[in-house]
Amino acid sequence: MSGITELNELLKSMSPFLQDGEYAFCTVDGKVSDYAHLDPVCFFQESEGLTLILLADDAKQAKIPFDGTYKQITLTVHSSLEAVGLTAAVAAKLTEYDISANVVAAYYHDHIYVPSDKARLAMSALNEFNESKVN
């Protein structure tokens, strides 16, 4: 099942959804299998170490240090991995409100991690794409 590639259709069709929980970006030594019991929502092996995205409470309990907490906003539109401009449009919109965005593209959806204290503002900003549907 291929996703949508056309930017205007993606922006018109997406509905951002604020997930429950707060997340932490952590860096650790070792292999993913060493941390599988923490059920990371995402991981990425970099040359400097293994990055994990974990529920912040799980990172605290495991005594894994992190800087700041983030809320996950899922863009509920099936975007193609070949789509051009969605990440840029979302980043530009959040930039208007001075909100940092850490994007994870998965097969079906894009997930935006924003600072916890700016999550509601980020949702309002992203919903502006929906308001343009009516105008």
C-alpha atoms as a PDB file:
ATOM      1  CA  MET A   1       0.000   0.000   0.000  1.00  0.00           C
ATOM      2  CA  SER A   2       1.735   3.147  -1.169  1.00  0.00           C
ATOM      3  CA  GLY A   3       1.242   6.471   0.538  1.00  0.00           C
ATOM      4  CA  ILE A   4       0.341   9.927  -0.717  1.00  0.00           C
ATOM      5  CA  THR A   5       3.139  11.782  -2.504  1.00  0.00           C
ATOM      6  CA  GLU A   6       1.482  15.087  -3.481  1.00  0.00           C
ATOM      7  CA  LEU A   7       2.299  17.801  -0.901  1.00  0.00           C
ATOM      8  CA  ASN A   8      -0.967  19.767  -1.077  1.00  0.00           C
ATOM      9  CA  GLU A   9      -2.976  16.568  -0.674  1.00  0.00           C
ATOM     10  CA  LEU A  10      -0.827  15.539   2.289  1.00  0.00           C
ATOM     11  CA  LEU A  11      -1.292  18.887   4.016  1.00  0.00           C
ATOM     12  CA  LYS A  12      -5.052  18.933   3.330  1.00  0.00           C
ATOM     13  CA  SER A  13      -5.479  15.343   4.500  1.00  0.00           C
ATOM     14  CA  MET A  14      -3.351  15.266   7.622  1.00  0.00           C
ATOM     15  CA  SER A  15      -4.749  15.536  11.108  1.00  0.00           C
ATOM     16  CA  PRO A  16      -2.078  15.868  13.781  1.00  0.00           C
ATOM     17  CA  PHE A  17      -2.655  13.637  16.801  1.00  0.00           C
ATOM     18  CA  LEU A  18      -0.982  14.328  20.155  1.00  0.00           C
ATOM     19  CA  GLN A  19       0.090  11.010  21.665  1.00  0.00           C
ATOM     20  CA  ASP A  20      -0.015  10.339  25.393  1.00  0.00           C
ATOM     21  CA  GLY A  21       3.191  10.305  27.390  1.00  0.00           C
ATOM     22  CA  GLU A  22       6.419  12.229  27.387  1.00  0.00           C
ATOM     23  CA  TYR A  23       9.483  10.992  25.568  1.00  0.00           C
ATOM     24  CA  ALA A  24      13.219  11.337  26.046  1.00  0.00           C
ATOM     25  CA  PHE A  25      16.025  11.178  23.500  1.00  0.00           C
ATOM     26  CA  CYS A  26      18.896   9.243  25.069  1.00  0.00           C
ATOM     27  CA  THR A  27      22.295   8.105  23.915  1.00  0.00           C
ATOM     28  CA  VAL A  28      23.812   4.898  25.273  1.00  0.00           C
ATOM     29  CA  ASP A  29      26.619   2.449  24.631  1.00  0.00           C
ATOM     30  CA  GLY A  30      25.907  -1.089  23.556  1.00  0.00           C
ATOM     31  CA  LYS A  31      23.451  -2.770  21.225  1.00  0.00           C
ATOM     32  CA  VAL A  32      19.708  -2.380  20.779  1.00  0.00           C
ATOM     33  CA  SER A  33      19.238  -5.826  22.304  1.00  0.00           C
ATOM     34  CA  ASP A  34      20.737  -4.481  25.557  1.00  0.00           C
ATOM     35  CA  TYR A  35      17.786  -2.049  25.805  1.00  0.00           C
ATOM     36  CA  ALA A  36      14.954  -4.019  24.188  1.00  0.00           C
ATOM     37  CA  HIS A  37      13.351  -4.535  27.611  1.00  0.00           C
ATOM     38  CA  LEU A  38      12.734  -0.750  27.709  1.00  0.00           C
ATOM     39  CA  ASP A  39      10.603  -1.044  24.557  1.00  0.00           C
ATOM     40  CA  PRO A  40      12.082   1.989  22.740  1.00  0.00           C
ATOM     41  CA  VAL A  41       9.683   3.647  20.340  1.00  0.00           C
ATOM     42  CA  CYS A  42      12.656   4.225  18.036  1.00  0.00           C
ATOM     43  CA  PHE A  43      16.401   3.703  17.899  1.00  0.00           C
ATOM     44  CA  PHE A  44      19.202   4.721  15.600  1.00  0.00           C
ATOM     45  CA  GLN A  45      22.829   3.619  15.597  1.00  0.00           C
ATOM     46  CA  GLU A  46      25.193   6.563  15.147  1.00  0.00           C
ATOM     47  CA  SER A  47      28.974   6.471  15.178  1.00  0.00           C
ATOM     48  CA  GLU A  48      28.944   8.250  18.578  1.00  0.00           C
ATOM     49  CA  GLY A  49      26.496   5.842  20.204  1.00  0.00           C
ATOM     50  CA  LEU A  50      23.038   4.330  20.113  1.00  0.00           C
ATOM     51  CA  THR A  51      20.166   6.834  20.215  1.00  0.00           C
ATOM     52  CA  LEU A  52      16.975   5.646  21.888  1.00  0.00           C
ATOM     53  CA  ILE A  53      13.616   7.369  22.042  1.00  0.00           C
ATOM     54  CA  LEU A  54      12.004   6.131  25.241  1.00  0.00           C
ATOM     55  CA  LEU A  55       9.143   7.101  27.451  1.00  0.00           C
ATOM     56  CA  ALA A  56      10.762   9.586  29.835  1.00  0.00           C
ATOM     57  CA  ASP A  57       9.562   7.625  32.885  1.00  0.00           C
ATOM     58  CA  ASP A  58      11.242   4.474  31.551  1.00  0.00           C
ATOM     59  CA  ALA A  59      14.497   6.358  30.953  1.00  0.00           C
ATOM     60  CA  LYS A  60      14.384   7.741  34.518  1.00  0.00           C
ATOM     61  CA  GLN A  61      13.668   4.312  35.988  1.00  0.00           C
ATOM     62  CA  ALA A  62      16.596   2.838  34.024  1.00  0.00           C
ATOM     63  CA  LYS A  63      18.795   5.759  35.161  1.00  0.00           C
ATOM     64  CA  ILE A  64      19.551   6.755  31.568  1.00  0.00           C
ATOM     65  CA  PRO A  65      20.285  10.485  31.431  1.00  0.00           C
ATOM     66  CA  PHE A  66      18.506  12.799  28.992  1.00  0.00           C
ATOM     67  CA  ASP A  67      17.981  16.487  28.344  1.00  0.00           C
ATOM     68  CA  GLY A  68      14.366  17.600  28.204  1.00  0.00           C
ATOM     69  CA  THR A  69      11.132  15.819  27.458  1.00  0.00           C
ATOM     70  CA  TYR A  70       9.156  15.754  24.249  1.00  0.00           C
ATOM     71  CA  LYS A  71       5.614  15.030  23.158  1.00  0.00           C
ATOM     72  CA  GLN A  72       4.969  12.974  20.052  1.00  0.00           C
ATOM     73  CA  ILE A  73       2.627  14.338  17.403  1.00  0.00           C
ATOM     74  CA  THR A  74       1.647  11.825  14.742  1.00  0.00           C
ATOM     75  CA  LEU A  75       0.646  13.203  11.366  1.00  0.00           C
ATOM     76  CA  THR A  76      -2.273  10.910  10.633  1.00  0.00           C
ATOM     77  CA  VAL A  77      -1.965  10.774   6.887  1.00  0.00           C
ATOM     78  CA  HIS A  78      -0.268   7.901   5.054  1.00  0.00           C
ATOM     79  CA  SER A  79       2.646   9.777   3.544  1.00  0.00           C
ATOM     80  CA  SER A  80       4.852   8.053   1.023  1.00  0.00           C
ATOM     81  CA  LEU A  81       8.535   7.760   1.783  1.00  0.00           C
ATOM     82  CA  GLU A  82       8.929   9.363  -1.663  1.00  0.00           C
ATOM     83  CA  ALA A  83       6.861  12.451  -0.728  1.00  0.00           C
ATOM     84  CA  VAL A  84       8.701  15.750  -1.108  1.00  0.00           C
ATOM     85  CA  GLY A  85       8.153  18.744   1.152  1.00  0.00           C
ATOM     86  CA  LEU A  86       6.046  17.457   4.063  1.00  0.00           C
ATOM     87  CA  THR A  87       8.853  17.660   6.590  1.00  0.00           C
ATOM     88  CA  ALA A  88       9.846  21.086   5.276  1.00  0.00           C
ATOM     89  CA  ALA A  89       6.259  22.407   5.456  1.00  0.00           C
ATOM     90  CA  VAL A  90       5.788  21.135   9.003  1.00  0.00           C
ATOM     91  CA  ALA A  91       9.180  22.486  10.116  1.00  0.00           C
ATOM     92  CA  ALA A  92       8.442  25.876   8.531  1.00  0.00           C
ATOM     93  CA  LYS A  93       5.062  26.075  10.290  1.00  0.00           C
ATOM     94  CA  LEU A  94       6.591  25.204  13.666  1.00  0.00           C
ATOM     95  CA  THR A  95       9.446  27.645  13.051  1.00  0.00           C
ATOM     96  CA  GLU A  96       6.852  30.443  12.814  1.00  0.00           C
ATOM     97  CA  TYR A  97       6.095  29.698  16.478  1.00  0.00           C
ATOM     98  CA  ASP A  98       9.706  29.115  17.590  1.00  0.00           C
ATOM     99  CA  ILE A  99       9.107  25.396  18.175  1.00  0.00           C
ATOM    100  CA  SER A 100      11.868  22.883  17.543  1.00  0.00           C
ATOM    101  CA  ALA A 101      10.888  19.716  15.706  1.00  0.00           C
ATOM    102  CA  ASN A 102      12.564  16.332  15.667  1.00  0.00           C
ATOM    103  CA  VAL A 103      11.030  14.239  12.904  1.00  0.00           C
ATOM    104  CA  VAL A 104      10.901  10.471  12.608  1.00  0.00           C
ATOM    105  CA  ALA A 105       9.535   9.136   9.346  1.00  0.00           C
ATOM    106  CA  ALA A 106       8.065   5.661   9.613  1.00  0.00           C
ATOM    107  CA  TYR A 107       6.391   3.584   6.914  1.00  0.00           C
ATOM    108  CA  TYR A 108       2.847   4.888   7.374  1.00  0.00           C
ATOM    109  CA  HIS A 109       3.212   8.213   9.185  1.00  0.00           C
ATOM    110  CA  ASP A 110       5.592  10.958  10.177  1.00  0.00           C
ATOM    111  CA  HIS A 111       6.033  11.617  13.889  1.00  0.00           C
ATOM    112  CA  ILE A 112       7.102  14.999  15.196  1.00  0.00           C
ATOM    113  CA  TYR A 113       8.706  15.343  18.623  1.00  0.00           C
ATOM    114  CA  VAL A 114       8.313  18.799  20.132  1.00  0.00           C
ATOM    115  CA  PRO A 115       9.310  20.115  23.572  1.00  0.00           C
ATOM    116  CA  SER A 116       6.633  19.065  26.074  1.00  0.00           C
ATOM    117  CA  ASP A 117       5.902  22.626  27.138  1.00  0.00           C
ATOM    118  CA  LYS A 118       5.181  23.648  23.518  1.00  0.00           C
ATOM    119  CA  ALA A 119       3.041  20.666  22.491  1.00  0.00           C
ATOM    120  CA  ARG A 120      -0.330  22.452  22.639  1.00  0.00           C
ATOM    121  CA  LEU A 121       1.050  25.417  20.690  1.00  0.00           C
ATOM    122  CA  ALA A 122       2.496  22.991  18.135  1.00  0.00           C
ATOM    123  CA  MET A 123      -0.896  21.317  17.733  1.00  0.00           C
ATOM    124  CA  SER A 124      -2.539  24.704  17.142  1.00  0.00           C
ATOM    125  CA  ALA A 125       0.120  25.622  14.595  1.00  0.00           C
ATOM    126  CA  LEU A 126      -0.221  22.328  12.714  1.00  0.00           C
ATOM    127  CA  ASN A 127      -4.001  22.589  12.725  1.00  0.00           C
ATOM    128  CA  GLU A 128      -3.605  25.803  10.714  1.00  0.00           C
ATOM    129  CA  PHE A 129      -3.088  23.502   7.720  1.00  0.00           C
ATOM    130  CA  ASN A 130      -6.642  22.240   8.349  1.00  0.00           C
ATOM    131  CA  GLU A 131      -8.014  25.784   8.604  1.00  0.00           C
ATOM    132  CA  SER A 132      -6.714  26.486   5.107  1.00  0.00           C
ATOM    133  CA  LYS A 133      -9.009  23.685   3.834  1.00  0.00           C
ATOM    134  CA  VAL A 134     -12.067  25.737   4.760  1.00  0.00           C
ATOM    135  CA  ASN A 135     -10.859  29.043   3.326  1.00  0.00           C
END
